[in-house]
Amino acid sequence: MTPILAQAAPGFDPSFLIMMGLIFVVFYFFIIRPQRSREKQHQAMIEALKKGDRVTTIGGIHGKVHSLDDGTVLVEVDGNTTKLRFDRKAIAAVQGKE
């Protein structure tokens, strides 16, 4: 019975740990690191928003920043008649001044 147990529970295999480490390194450099970089760029863009900037929201709405609060942005979308309030995180792109 001892040889069957020895076959069912093999010993420590360092190649498995090396393979898992390599998979983690690949995930870090191809997925985690670029995502963090994009998040930092988006955060810097949001912090640099100012009145008069032309913006696009994540919903595809284009407009001009009318005013800024701590966590929200008031966006003019149709001249002076329509203004919409968005969370700052909802701004997808800034095209610059009008």
C-alpha atoms as a PDB file:
ATOM      1  CA  MET A   1       0.000   0.000   0.000  1.00  0.00           C
ATOM      2  CA  THR A   2       2.938   2.330   0.531  1.00  0.00           C
ATOM      3  CA  PRO A   3       3.889   2.577  -3.186  1.00  0.00           C
ATOM      4  CA  ILE A   4       0.308   3.651  -4.086  1.00  0.00           C
ATOM      5  CA  LEU A   5       0.377   6.462  -1.513  1.00  0.00           C
ATOM      6  CA  ALA A   6       3.759   7.599  -2.782  1.00  0.00           C
ATOM      7  CA  GLN A   7       2.378   7.856  -6.322  1.00  0.00           C
ATOM      8  CA  ALA A   8      -0.775   9.709  -5.228  1.00  0.00           C
ATOM      9  CA  ALA A   9       1.099  12.384  -3.234  1.00  0.00           C
ATOM     10  CA  PRO A  10       4.193  13.429  -5.177  1.00  0.00           C
ATOM     11  CA  GLY A  11       6.936  15.458  -3.515  1.00  0.00           C
ATOM     12  CA  PHE A  12       7.671  19.165  -3.744  1.00  0.00           C
ATOM     13  CA  ASP A  13       8.035  20.377  -7.339  1.00  0.00           C
ATOM     14  CA  PRO A  14       9.873  23.734  -7.636  1.00  0.00           C
ATOM     15  CA  SER A  15       9.044  24.066 -11.342  1.00  0.00           C
ATOM     16  CA  PHE A  16       5.383  24.641 -10.386  1.00  0.00           C
ATOM     17  CA  LEU A  17       6.326  27.618  -8.203  1.00  0.00           C
ATOM     18  CA  ILE A  18       8.577  29.008 -10.918  1.00  0.00           C
ATOM     19  CA  MET A  19       5.774  28.706 -13.476  1.00  0.00           C
ATOM     20  CA  MET A  20       3.273  30.448 -11.158  1.00  0.00           C
ATOM     21  CA  GLY A  21       5.810  33.226 -10.527  1.00  0.00           C
ATOM     22  CA  LEU A  22       6.322  33.728 -14.257  1.00  0.00           C
ATOM     23  CA  ILE A  23       2.561  33.871 -14.833  1.00  0.00           C
ATOM     24  CA  PHE A  24       2.229  36.522 -12.110  1.00  0.00           C
ATOM     25  CA  VAL A  25       5.065  38.583 -13.647  1.00  0.00           C
ATOM     26  CA  VAL A  26       3.397  38.438 -17.082  1.00  0.00           C
ATOM     27  CA  PHE A  27       0.036  39.490 -15.614  1.00  0.00           C
ATOM     28  CA  TYR A  28       1.702  42.350 -13.749  1.00  0.00           C
ATOM     29  CA  PHE A  29       3.498  43.806 -16.774  1.00  0.00           C
ATOM     30  CA  PHE A  30       0.715  43.262 -19.332  1.00  0.00           C
ATOM     31  CA  ILE A  31      -2.426  43.913 -17.264  1.00  0.00           C
ATOM     32  CA  ILE A  32      -1.915  45.442 -13.809  1.00  0.00           C
ATOM     33  CA  ARG A  33       0.810  48.000 -14.545  1.00  0.00           C
ATOM     34  CA  PRO A  34      -0.794  49.524 -17.686  1.00  0.00           C
ATOM     35  CA  GLN A  35      -4.155  49.772 -15.903  1.00  0.00           C
ATOM     36  CA  ARG A  36      -2.569  51.679 -13.003  1.00  0.00           C
ATOM     37  CA  SER A  37      -0.879  53.980 -15.492  1.00  0.00           C
ATOM     38  CA  ARG A  38      -4.207  54.741 -17.226  1.00  0.00           C
ATOM     39  CA  GLU A  39      -5.853  55.396 -13.841  1.00  0.00           C
ATOM     40  CA  LYS A  40      -3.110  57.881 -12.890  1.00  0.00           C
ATOM     41  CA  GLN A  41      -3.434  59.682 -16.237  1.00  0.00           C
ATOM     42  CA  HIS A  42      -7.228  59.892 -15.867  1.00  0.00           C
ATOM     43  CA  GLN A  43      -6.910  61.210 -12.308  1.00  0.00           C
ATOM     44  CA  ALA A  44      -4.435  63.884 -13.450  1.00  0.00           C
ATOM     45  CA  MET A  45      -6.791  64.879 -16.284  1.00  0.00           C
ATOM     46  CA  ILE A  46      -9.720  65.196 -13.867  1.00  0.00           C
ATOM     47  CA  GLU A  47      -7.685  67.288 -11.425  1.00  0.00           C
ATOM     48  CA  ALA A  48      -6.586  69.622 -14.241  1.00  0.00           C
ATOM     49  CA  LEU A  49     -10.176  70.405 -15.342  1.00  0.00           C
ATOM     50  CA  LYS A  50     -11.038  74.083 -15.417  1.00  0.00           C
ATOM     51  CA  LYS A  51     -13.928  76.280 -16.455  1.00  0.00           C
ATOM     52  CA  GLY A  52     -14.276  76.582 -20.224  1.00  0.00           C
ATOM     53  CA  ASP A  53     -12.706  73.213 -21.113  1.00  0.00           C
ATOM     54  CA  ARG A  54     -14.449  71.179 -23.819  1.00  0.00           C
ATOM     55  CA  VAL A  55     -15.130  67.679 -22.425  1.00  0.00           C
ATOM     56  CA  THR A  56     -16.664  64.359 -23.405  1.00  0.00           C
ATOM     57  CA  THR A  57     -18.350  62.176 -20.787  1.00  0.00           C
ATOM     58  CA  ILE A  58     -18.249  58.390 -20.595  1.00  0.00           C
ATOM     59  CA  GLY A  59     -21.810  58.443 -21.977  1.00  0.00           C
ATOM     60  CA  GLY A  60     -20.675  60.318 -25.103  1.00  0.00           C
ATOM     61  CA  ILE A  61     -22.108  63.727 -24.173  1.00  0.00           C
ATOM     62  CA  HIS A  62     -20.006  66.642 -25.451  1.00  0.00           C
ATOM     63  CA  GLY A  63     -20.055  70.005 -23.735  1.00  0.00           C
ATOM     64  CA  LYS A  64     -18.199  72.823 -22.048  1.00  0.00           C
ATOM     65  CA  VAL A  65     -17.362  72.973 -18.334  1.00  0.00           C
ATOM     66  CA  HIS A  66     -19.522  75.689 -16.774  1.00  0.00           C
ATOM     67  CA  SER A  67     -18.461  75.249 -13.137  1.00  0.00           C
ATOM     68  CA  LEU A  68     -16.609  72.837 -10.874  1.00  0.00           C
ATOM     69  CA  ASP A  69     -17.359  71.597  -7.356  1.00  0.00           C
ATOM     70  CA  ASP A  70     -15.375  69.195  -5.189  1.00  0.00           C
ATOM     71  CA  GLY A  71     -16.773  66.031  -6.735  1.00  0.00           C
ATOM     72  CA  THR A  72     -18.972  67.249  -9.592  1.00  0.00           C
ATOM     73  CA  VAL A  73     -18.795  69.181 -12.841  1.00  0.00           C
ATOM     74  CA  LEU A  74     -21.572  71.297 -14.358  1.00  0.00           C
ATOM     75  CA  VAL A  75     -21.393  70.827 -18.138  1.00  0.00           C
ATOM     76  CA  GLU A  76     -23.090  73.146 -20.658  1.00  0.00           C
ATOM     77  CA  VAL A  77     -24.338  70.974 -23.508  1.00  0.00           C
ATOM     78  CA  ASP A  78     -26.596  73.286 -25.532  1.00  0.00           C
ATOM     79  CA  GLY A  79     -25.400  76.857 -25.362  1.00  0.00           C
ATOM     80  CA  ASN A  80     -26.634  78.552 -22.202  1.00  0.00           C
ATOM     81  CA  THR A  81     -29.913  76.639 -22.028  1.00  0.00           C
ATOM     82  CA  THR A  82     -28.994  73.124 -20.896  1.00  0.00           C
ATOM     83  CA  LYS A  83     -26.574  72.302 -18.104  1.00  0.00           C
ATOM     84  CA  LEU A  84     -25.980  68.807 -16.747  1.00  0.00           C
ATOM     85  CA  ARG A  85     -24.193  67.891 -13.512  1.00  0.00           C
ATOM     86  CA  PHE A  86     -21.782  64.957 -13.701  1.00  0.00           C
ATOM     87  CA  ASP A  87     -19.458  63.271 -11.271  1.00  0.00           C
ATOM     88  CA  ARG A  88     -15.853  64.190 -12.069  1.00  0.00           C
ATOM     89  CA  LYS A  89     -15.059  60.530 -12.720  1.00  0.00           C
ATOM     90  CA  ALA A  90     -17.629  60.534 -15.565  1.00  0.00           C
ATOM     91  CA  ILE A  91     -15.403  62.780 -17.697  1.00  0.00           C
ATOM     92  CA  ALA A  92     -13.724  60.593 -20.319  1.00  0.00           C
ATOM     93  CA  ALA A  93     -11.737  63.146 -22.323  1.00  0.00           C
ATOM     94  CA  VAL A  94     -10.777  66.814 -22.341  1.00  0.00           C
ATOM     95  CA  GLN A  95     -10.353  68.546 -25.706  1.00  0.00           C
ATOM     96  CA  GLY A  96      -9.035  71.808 -24.188  1.00  0.00           C
ATOM     97  CA  LYS A  97     -10.357  75.358 -24.372  1.00  0.00           C
ATOM     98  CA  GLU A  98     -13.118  76.361 -26.768  1.00  0.00           C
END
